Amino acid sequence: MMIEPDPVTPGAVLLHLKVVPASSRDVVAGVLGSRLKIKVAAAPEKGRANAAVEALLAETLQIARADIALVKGETSPEKTVRIRGLSVEAVRQRLMV
């Protein structure tokens, strides 16, 4: 499942991602298997791509960047982020997936 309630943090959800760094632009590219595919222009070095993913999600979901935290996959293209303050349904609607 791409979006699920966070079993550890009440009022938060986990979003599972497949990130493609060094793309031509920052974009939510749709669903790939059981993950949301995100492309970012930033290179995968010194946390730049992770920061770009957080910024893109914050803008897309219309929430503060502080409400998004990378919880798994810091150096992997498969990542999991925690989103505070939104329900599974709210995230799904804002991402249009």
Protein backbone atom coordinates (compact mmCIF):
# COMPACT_ATOMS: atom_id res chain seq x y z
CA MET A 1 0.00 0.00 0.00
CA MET A 2 1.35 3.39 -1.00
CA ILE A 3 -0.31 5.40 1.82
CA GLU A 4 -1.02 3.98 5.27
CA PRO A 5 -1.68 5.23 8.80
CA ASP A 6 1.53 5.49 10.83
CA PRO A 7 1.34 2.86 13.58
CA VAL A 8 3.89 4.76 15.69
CA THR A 9 2.73 8.38 15.37
CA PRO A 10 -0.98 9.12 15.88
CA GLY A 11 -2.34 11.63 13.36
CA ALA A 12 0.33 10.83 10.78
CA VAL A 13 0.55 8.70 7.66
CA LEU A 14 3.38 6.90 5.92
CA LEU A 15 3.89 7.45 2.21
CA HIS A 16 6.05 4.98 0.29
CA LEU A 17 8.02 6.48 -2.60
CA LYS A 18 10.17 5.54 -5.56
CA VAL A 19 12.43 8.54 -6.16
CA VAL A 20 14.23 9.27 -9.42
CA PRO A 21 16.92 11.93 -8.83
CA ALA A 22 18.68 14.02 -11.49
CA SER A 23 15.51 14.26 -13.62
CA SER A 24 14.68 17.17 -15.88
CA ARG A 25 12.17 18.61 -13.38
CA ASP A 26 10.48 18.11 -10.02
CA VAL A 27 7.21 16.23 -10.51
CA VAL A 28 4.91 13.67 -8.93
CA ALA A 29 5.01 11.14 -11.76
CA GLY A 30 2.23 8.75 -10.73
CA VAL A 31 2.09 5.30 -9.21
CA LEU A 32 4.73 2.63 -9.78
CA GLY A 33 3.71 -0.69 -8.25
CA SER A 34 2.95 -0.01 -4.60
CA ARG A 35 4.85 3.28 -4.46
CA LEU A 36 4.35 6.87 -5.54
CA LYS A 37 6.94 7.80 -8.17
CA ILE A 38 8.57 11.17 -7.69
CA LYS A 39 11.15 12.74 -9.99
CA VAL A 40 13.43 15.52 -8.75
CA ALA A 41 16.05 17.56 -10.57
CA ALA A 42 18.46 17.50 -7.63
CA ALA A 43 21.38 15.11 -7.69
CA PRO A 44 21.52 12.28 -5.14
CA GLU A 45 24.41 13.78 -3.19
CA LYS A 46 24.67 15.35 0.27
CA GLY A 47 20.92 14.94 0.84
CA ARG A 48 19.93 17.28 -1.99
CA ALA A 49 17.49 14.86 -3.62
CA ASN A 50 15.88 14.06 -0.25
CA ALA A 51 15.44 17.77 0.47
CA ALA A 52 13.90 18.26 -2.98
CA VAL A 53 11.46 15.39 -2.35
CA GLU A 54 10.39 16.94 0.96
CA ALA A 55 9.95 20.37 -0.67
CA LEU A 56 7.92 18.95 -3.57
CA LEU A 57 5.66 16.97 -1.23
CA ALA A 58 5.13 19.98 1.05
CA GLU A 59 4.13 22.13 -1.93
CA THR A 60 1.90 19.45 -3.46
CA LEU A 61 0.20 18.56 -0.17
CA GLN A 62 -0.04 22.23 0.88
CA ILE A 63 1.57 21.64 4.26
CA ALA A 64 4.67 22.90 6.04
CA ARG A 65 7.90 21.17 5.16
CA ALA A 66 8.41 20.55 8.89
CA ASP A 67 5.41 18.17 8.76
CA ILE A 68 7.29 15.83 6.41
CA ALA A 69 10.08 13.57 7.64
CA LEU A 70 12.11 10.93 5.86
CA VAL A 71 11.89 7.79 8.00
CA LYS A 72 13.41 5.15 5.73
CA GLY A 73 15.67 5.00 2.67
CA GLU A 74 18.02 7.94 3.08
CA THR A 75 20.41 6.58 0.44
CA SER A 76 17.96 4.38 -1.45
CA PRO A 77 15.57 5.25 -4.29
CA GLU A 78 12.83 3.52 -2.30
CA LYS A 79 11.91 5.82 0.56
CA THR A 80 9.24 6.18 3.22
CA VAL A 81 8.18 9.58 4.55
CA ARG A 82 5.98 10.44 7.52
CA ILE A 83 3.38 13.13 6.93
CA ARG A 84 1.86 14.71 10.02
CA GLY A 85 -1.53 16.38 10.17
CA LEU A 86 -3.25 14.73 7.21
CA SER A 87 -5.36 11.59 6.92
CA VAL A 88 -4.76 8.85 4.37
CA GLU A 89 -7.75 10.12 2.39
CA ALA A 90 -6.54 13.75 2.49
CA VAL A 91 -3.11 12.74 1.18
CA ARG A 92 -4.69 10.61 -1.54
CA GLN A 93 -6.95 13.50 -2.65
CA ARG A 94 -4.15 16.08 -2.67
CA LEU A 95 -1.87 13.77 -4.65
CA MET A 96 -4.78 12.77 -6.90
CA VAL A 97 -3.92 9.05 -6.74
